[in-house]
Amino acid sequence: MSLPGLPCLLGMNSERSKMARVLVAEDEVLIRVDIVETLEDGGHSVVGEASDGEQAIRLARELTPDLVVMDVKMPKLDGLTAARQITAAGPAVLVLTAFSDKELVEEAAEAGTIGYLVKPFQPAQLLAGVNVALARAADRRKLQDTVEAKGRLMEQFGLTEDQAYTRMRRAAMDRQLPLVEVARRILDAQPGGS
């Protein structure tokens, strides 16, 4: 199922777009094959495939993907229970489901998932959902880095939260860098070093 022009249509060839390492967790083999093919046609690398929730957790730990695309209803361990464990370990989870009731959407949000896509979907919808999920995951990592860096400054220099944040903002302005880059540099620096 080649999708000519789809990567360009979705902005996949731009420098800003990073192709992701994706784990696909879907118990229906034919659907899983379609998802894998769509992701690969869109330029992403499918690093693993799981057919149940337990296998998804294990593969997410072993393969450390950027994103897990996971069905909600799966054997052994349902997708949302698995998503809770996976998101706690780092990777973002985009859930797929044939159901769109309000309770399931709320439960998916509470499980820490980054996006929600209702089946059936077209290849372009899946790729767009993946791109949005990756962007949201990157934003989440930037926020986590900023919070962690602020905490490190507070601990290292005995600052209040406001003082640490002000120091980071001032460093960003003085060096004409985004705040997240200052946060990364703080986190990369050796604790106690200068």
C-alpha atoms as a PDB file:
ATOM      1  CA  MET A   1       0.000   0.000   0.000  1.00  0.00           C
ATOM      2  CA  SER A   2       2.373   2.691  -1.217  1.00  0.00           C
ATOM      3  CA  LEU A   3       1.239   6.211  -0.481  1.00  0.00           C
ATOM      4  CA  PRO A   4       2.847   8.436  -3.124  1.00  0.00           C
ATOM      5  CA  GLY A   5       3.055  12.064  -2.115  1.00  0.00           C
ATOM      6  CA  LEU A   6       1.793  11.413   1.412  1.00  0.00           C
ATOM      7  CA  PRO A   7       5.081  12.255   3.165  1.00  0.00           C
ATOM      8  CA  CYS A   8       5.190  15.628   1.363  1.00  0.00           C
ATOM      9  CA  LEU A   9       1.508  16.248   2.043  1.00  0.00           C
ATOM     10  CA  LEU A  10       2.054  15.836   5.774  1.00  0.00           C
ATOM     11  CA  GLY A  11       5.308  17.780   5.869  1.00  0.00           C
ATOM     12  CA  MET A  12       7.325  14.648   6.538  1.00  0.00           C
ATOM     13  CA  ASN A  13      10.249  15.732   4.397  1.00  0.00           C
ATOM     14  CA  SER A  14      10.880  18.987   6.217  1.00  0.00           C
ATOM     15  CA  GLU A  15      13.955  19.415   8.378  1.00  0.00           C
ATOM     16  CA  ARG A  16      11.735  20.102  11.403  1.00  0.00           C
ATOM     17  CA  SER A  17      10.049  16.716  11.147  1.00  0.00           C
ATOM     18  CA  LYS A  18      11.922  13.903  12.874  1.00  0.00           C
ATOM     19  CA  MET A  19      11.099  10.383  11.850  1.00  0.00           C
ATOM     20  CA  ALA A  20      10.247   8.361  14.901  1.00  0.00           C
ATOM     21  CA  ARG A  21      11.117   4.935  16.217  1.00  0.00           C
ATOM     22  CA  VAL A  22       7.701   3.375  16.763  1.00  0.00           C
ATOM     23  CA  LEU A  23       6.448   0.266  18.543  1.00  0.00           C
ATOM     24  CA  VAL A  24       3.086  -0.991  17.248  1.00  0.00           C
ATOM     25  CA  ALA A  25       0.857  -2.914  19.688  1.00  0.00           C
ATOM     26  CA  GLU A  26      -2.257  -4.325  18.038  1.00  0.00           C
ATOM     27  CA  ASP A  27      -3.725  -7.796  18.509  1.00  0.00           C
ATOM     28  CA  GLU A  28      -5.462  -7.911  15.088  1.00  0.00           C
ATOM     29  CA  VAL A  29      -2.735  -9.055  12.683  1.00  0.00           C
ATOM     30  CA  LEU A  30      -4.199  -7.457   9.542  1.00  0.00           C
ATOM     31  CA  ILE A  31      -4.693  -4.110  11.255  1.00  0.00           C
ATOM     32  CA  ARG A  32      -1.170  -4.291  12.703  1.00  0.00           C
ATOM     33  CA  VAL A  33       0.282  -4.976   9.237  1.00  0.00           C
ATOM     34  CA  ASP A  34      -1.593  -1.958   7.804  1.00  0.00           C
ATOM     35  CA  ILE A  35      -0.386   0.274  10.640  1.00  0.00           C
ATOM     36  CA  VAL A  36       3.225  -0.853  10.206  1.00  0.00           C
ATOM     37  CA  GLU A  37       3.084  -0.320   6.449  1.00  0.00           C
ATOM     38  CA  THR A  38       1.517   3.139   6.832  1.00  0.00           C
ATOM     39  CA  LEU A  39       4.138   4.205   9.374  1.00  0.00           C
ATOM     40  CA  GLU A  40       7.016   2.922   7.242  1.00  0.00           C
ATOM     41  CA  ASP A  41       5.559   4.541   4.107  1.00  0.00           C
ATOM     42  CA  GLY A  42       5.409   7.754   6.136  1.00  0.00           C
ATOM     43  CA  GLY A  43       9.138   7.489   6.865  1.00  0.00           C
ATOM     44  CA  HIS A  44       8.987   6.174  10.426  1.00  0.00           C
ATOM     45  CA  SER A  45      10.941   3.179  11.664  1.00  0.00           C
ATOM     46  CA  VAL A  46       8.844   0.430  13.243  1.00  0.00           C
ATOM     47  CA  VAL A  47      11.210  -1.068  15.812  1.00  0.00           C
ATOM     48  CA  GLY A  48       8.844  -3.713  17.165  1.00  0.00           C
ATOM     49  CA  GLU A  49       5.389  -5.254  17.061  1.00  0.00           C
ATOM     50  CA  ALA A  50       3.335  -6.566  19.963  1.00  0.00           C
ATOM     51  CA  SER A  51       0.114  -8.569  19.974  1.00  0.00           C
ATOM     52  CA  ASP A  52      -0.834  -8.086  23.641  1.00  0.00           C
ATOM     53  CA  GLY A  53      -0.365  -5.590  26.462  1.00  0.00           C
ATOM     54  CA  GLU A  54       2.278  -7.569  28.348  1.00  0.00           C
ATOM     55  CA  GLN A  55       4.419  -7.929  25.237  1.00  0.00           C
ATOM     56  CA  ALA A  56       4.001  -4.194  24.541  1.00  0.00           C
ATOM     57  CA  ILE A  57       5.365  -3.309  27.991  1.00  0.00           C
ATOM     58  CA  ARG A  58       8.312  -5.666  27.599  1.00  0.00           C
ATOM     59  CA  LEU A  59       9.184  -4.403  24.104  1.00  0.00           C
ATOM     60  CA  ALA A  60       8.804  -0.757  25.144  1.00  0.00           C
ATOM     61  CA  ARG A  61      11.366  -1.326  27.901  1.00  0.00           C
ATOM     62  CA  GLU A  62      13.753  -3.239  25.627  1.00  0.00           C
ATOM     63  CA  LEU A  63      13.483  -1.095  22.485  1.00  0.00           C
ATOM     64  CA  THR A  64      12.928   2.389  23.980  1.00  0.00           C
ATOM     65  CA  PRO A  65      10.800   3.703  21.097  1.00  0.00           C
ATOM     66  CA  ASP A  66       9.881   7.362  20.692  1.00  0.00           C
ATOM     67  CA  LEU A  67       6.220   6.417  20.419  1.00  0.00           C
ATOM     68  CA  VAL A  68       4.015   3.406  21.063  1.00  0.00           C
ATOM     69  CA  VAL A  69       0.920   3.104  18.860  1.00  0.00           C
ATOM     70  CA  MET A  70      -1.382   0.839  20.880  1.00  0.00           C
ATOM     71  CA  ASP A  71      -4.860  -0.624  20.609  1.00  0.00           C
ATOM     72  CA  VAL A  72      -7.028  -0.206  23.702  1.00  0.00           C
ATOM     73  CA  LYS A  73      -8.601  -3.669  23.647  1.00  0.00           C
ATOM     74  CA  MET A  74      -5.892  -6.340  23.744  1.00  0.00           C
ATOM     75  CA  PRO A  75      -5.424  -9.767  25.332  1.00  0.00           C
ATOM     76  CA  LYS A  76      -3.531 -10.489  28.572  1.00  0.00           C
ATOM     77  CA  LEU A  77      -3.381  -6.833  29.565  1.00  0.00           C
ATOM     78  CA  ASP A  78      -5.576  -4.110  28.091  1.00  0.00           C
ATOM     79  CA  GLY A  79      -3.980  -1.201  26.261  1.00  0.00           C
ATOM     80  CA  LEU A  80      -4.747   1.454  28.864  1.00  0.00           C
ATOM     81  CA  THR A  81      -3.271  -0.554  31.739  1.00  0.00           C
ATOM     82  CA  ALA A  82      -0.205  -1.186  29.591  1.00  0.00           C
ATOM     83  CA  ALA A  83      -0.101   2.510  28.615  1.00  0.00           C
ATOM     84  CA  ARG A  84       0.085   3.541  32.280  1.00  0.00           C
ATOM     85  CA  GLN A  85       3.202   1.420  32.743  1.00  0.00           C
ATOM     86  CA  ILE A  86       4.775   2.434  29.445  1.00  0.00           C
ATOM     87  CA  THR A  87       4.287   6.186  29.892  1.00  0.00           C
ATOM     88  CA  ALA A  88       5.745   5.970  33.408  1.00  0.00           C
ATOM     89  CA  ALA A  89       8.932   4.612  31.815  1.00  0.00           C
ATOM     90  CA  GLY A  90       9.208   7.349  29.188  1.00  0.00           C
ATOM     91  CA  PRO A  91       7.780   6.640  25.724  1.00  0.00           C
ATOM     92  CA  ALA A  92       4.649   8.442  24.595  1.00  0.00           C
ATOM     93  CA  VAL A  93       1.575   6.340  23.770  1.00  0.00           C
ATOM     94  CA  LEU A  94      -0.958   7.017  21.020  1.00  0.00           C
ATOM     95  CA  VAL A  95      -4.031   4.843  21.586  1.00  0.00           C
ATOM     96  CA  LEU A  96      -6.182   3.359  18.875  1.00  0.00           C
ATOM     97  CA  THR A  97      -9.720   2.175  19.470  1.00  0.00           C
ATOM     98  CA  ALA A  98     -12.966   1.355  17.721  1.00  0.00           C
ATOM     99  CA  PHE A  99     -14.793   3.043  20.606  1.00  0.00           C
ATOM    100  CA  SER A 100     -15.151   6.754  21.218  1.00  0.00           C
ATOM    101  CA  ASP A 101     -17.305   6.953  24.326  1.00  0.00           C
ATOM    102  CA  LYS A 102     -16.534   9.729  26.809  1.00  0.00           C
ATOM    103  CA  GLU A 103     -15.481   7.395  29.640  1.00  0.00           C
ATOM    104  CA  LEU A 104     -12.878   5.633  27.489  1.00  0.00           C
ATOM    105  CA  VAL A 105     -11.457   8.957  26.285  1.00  0.00           C
ATOM    106  CA  GLU A 106     -11.177  10.164  29.906  1.00  0.00           C
ATOM    107  CA  GLU A 107      -9.575   6.891  30.979  1.00  0.00           C
ATOM    108  CA  ALA A 108      -7.043   7.188  28.143  1.00  0.00           C
ATOM    109  CA  ALA A 109      -6.170  10.720  29.263  1.00  0.00           C
ATOM    110  CA  GLU A 110      -5.767   9.556  32.868  1.00  0.00           C
ATOM    111  CA  ALA A 111      -3.480   6.757  31.673  1.00  0.00           C
ATOM    112  CA  GLY A 112      -1.048   9.392  30.391  1.00  0.00           C
ATOM    113  CA  THR A 113      -1.582   8.773  26.691  1.00  0.00           C
ATOM    114  CA  ILE A 114      -0.558  11.521  24.309  1.00  0.00           C
ATOM    115  CA  GLY A 115      -3.277  11.020  21.708  1.00  0.00           C
ATOM    116  CA  TYR A 116      -6.399   9.094  20.774  1.00  0.00           C
ATOM    117  CA  LEU A 117      -7.387   7.875  17.309  1.00  0.00           C
ATOM    118  CA  VAL A 118     -10.698   6.149  16.489  1.00  0.00           C
ATOM    119  CA  LYS A 119     -10.721   3.218  14.043  1.00  0.00           C
ATOM    120  CA  PRO A 120     -11.253   2.874  11.190  1.00  0.00           C
ATOM    121  CA  PHE A 121      -8.870   5.586  10.030  1.00  0.00           C
ATOM    122  CA  GLN A 122      -7.158   6.464   6.777  1.00  0.00           C
ATOM    123  CA  PRO A 123      -3.350   6.321   6.458  1.00  0.00           C
ATOM    124  CA  ALA A 124      -3.150  10.137   6.381  1.00  0.00           C
ATOM    125  CA  GLN A 125      -5.133  10.326   9.640  1.00  0.00           C
ATOM    126  CA  LEU A 126      -2.771   7.868  11.341  1.00  0.00           C
ATOM    127  CA  LEU A 127       0.318   9.759  10.176  1.00  0.00           C
ATOM    128  CA  ALA A 128      -1.165  13.088  11.229  1.00  0.00           C
ATOM    129  CA  GLY A 129      -2.034  11.592  14.625  1.00  0.00           C
ATOM    130  CA  VAL A 130       1.509  10.276  14.983  1.00  0.00           C
ATOM    131  CA  ASN A 131       2.983  13.686  14.094  1.00  0.00           C
ATOM    132  CA  VAL A 132       0.764  15.450  16.646  1.00  0.00           C
ATOM    133  CA  ALA A 133       1.596  12.832  19.282  1.00  0.00           C
ATOM    134  CA  LEU A 134       5.326  13.242  18.631  1.00  0.00           C
ATOM    135  CA  ALA A 135       5.063  17.037  18.845  1.00  0.00           C
ATOM    136  CA  ARG A 136       3.130  16.820  22.124  1.00  0.00           C
ATOM    137  CA  ALA A 137       5.651  14.313  23.485  1.00  0.00           C
ATOM    138  CA  ALA A 138       8.529  16.659  22.578  1.00  0.00           C
ATOM    139  CA  ASP A 139       6.738  19.528  24.335  1.00  0.00           C
ATOM    140  CA  ARG A 140       6.242  17.325  27.390  1.00  0.00           C
ATOM    141  CA  ARG A 141       9.964  16.427  27.448  1.00  0.00           C
ATOM    142  CA  LYS A 142      10.915  20.104  27.161  1.00  0.00           C
ATOM    143  CA  LEU A 143       8.667  20.965  30.090  1.00  0.00           C
ATOM    144  CA  GLN A 144      10.072  18.075  32.139  1.00  0.00           C
ATOM    145  CA  ASP A 145      13.631  19.219  31.359  1.00  0.00           C
ATOM    146  CA  THR A 146      12.804  22.777  32.399  1.00  0.00           C
ATOM    147  CA  VAL A 147      11.230  21.648  35.674  1.00  0.00           C
ATOM    148  CA  GLU A 148      14.110  19.278  36.408  1.00  0.00           C
ATOM    149  CA  ALA A 149      16.717  21.965  35.660  1.00  0.00           C
ATOM    150  CA  LYS A 150      14.921  24.431  37.898  1.00  0.00           C
ATOM    151  CA  GLY A 151      14.931  21.826  40.669  1.00  0.00           C
ATOM    152  CA  ARG A 152      18.626  21.218  40.213  1.00  0.00           C
ATOM    153  CA  LEU A 153      19.361  24.963  40.538  1.00  0.00           C
ATOM    154  CA  MET A 154      17.190  25.154  43.649  1.00  0.00           C
ATOM    155  CA  GLU A 155      19.062  22.256  45.230  1.00  0.00           C
ATOM    156  CA  GLN A 156      22.548  23.251  44.113  1.00  0.00           C
ATOM    157  CA  PHE A 157      22.344  26.949  45.028  1.00  0.00           C
ATOM    158  CA  GLY A 158      19.641  26.982  47.714  1.00  0.00           C
ATOM    159  CA  LEU A 159      17.290  29.065  45.566  1.00  0.00           C
ATOM    160  CA  THR A 160      13.534  29.388  45.736  1.00  0.00           C
ATOM    161  CA  GLU A 161      11.541  28.188  42.743  1.00  0.00           C
ATOM    162  CA  ASP A 162      11.009  31.777  41.547  1.00  0.00           C
ATOM    163  CA  GLN A 163      14.704  32.596  41.912  1.00  0.00           C
ATOM    164  CA  ALA A 164      15.753  29.503  39.971  1.00  0.00           C
ATOM    165  CA  TYR A 165      13.281  30.234  37.180  1.00  0.00           C
ATOM    166  CA  THR A 166      14.376  33.880  37.024  1.00  0.00           C
ATOM    167  CA  ARG A 167      18.008  32.785  36.794  1.00  0.00           C
ATOM    168  CA  MET A 168      17.170  30.420  33.924  1.00  0.00           C
ATOM    169  CA  ARG A 169      15.172  33.088  32.070  1.00  0.00           C
ATOM    170  CA  ARG A 170      17.970  35.622  32.504  1.00  0.00           C
ATOM    171  CA  ALA A 171      20.546  33.118  31.184  1.00  0.00           C
ATOM    172  CA  ALA A 172      18.300  32.412  28.187  1.00  0.00           C
ATOM    173  CA  MET A 173      17.924  36.111  27.388  1.00  0.00           C
ATOM    174  CA  ASP A 174      21.619  36.914  27.933  1.00  0.00           C
ATOM    175  CA  ARG A 175      22.724  34.074  25.665  1.00  0.00           C
ATOM    176  CA  GLN A 176      19.817  34.469  23.224  1.00  0.00           C
ATOM    177  CA  LEU A 177      18.849  30.825  23.674  1.00  0.00           C
ATOM    178  CA  PRO A 178      15.485  29.142  24.130  1.00  0.00           C
ATOM    179  CA  LEU A 179      14.724  28.376  27.768  1.00  0.00           C
ATOM    180  CA  VAL A 180      14.681  24.653  27.007  1.00  0.00           C
ATOM    181  CA  GLU A 181      18.274  24.860  25.715  1.00  0.00           C
ATOM    182  CA  VAL A 182      19.380  26.515  28.964  1.00  0.00           C
ATOM    183  CA  ALA A 183      17.566  23.731  30.839  1.00  0.00           C
ATOM    184  CA  ARG A 184      19.375  21.071  28.767  1.00  0.00           C
ATOM    185  CA  ARG A 185      22.732  22.687  29.484  1.00  0.00           C
ATOM    186  CA  ILE A 186      21.984  22.757  33.208  1.00  0.00           C
ATOM    187  CA  LEU A 187      21.021  19.091  33.117  1.00  0.00           C
ATOM    188  CA  ASP A 188      24.094  18.167  31.062  1.00  0.00           C
ATOM    189  CA  ALA A 189      26.443  19.984  33.457  1.00  0.00           C
ATOM    190  CA  GLN A 190      27.995  17.984  36.253  1.00  0.00           C
ATOM    191  CA  PRO A 191      26.232  18.647  39.575  1.00  0.00           C
ATOM    192  CA  GLY A 192      28.376  20.966  41.657  1.00  0.00           C
ATOM    193  CA  GLY A 193      30.499  21.890  38.607  1.00  0.00           C
ATOM    194  CA  SER A 194      30.751  25.324  37.054  1.00  0.00           C
END
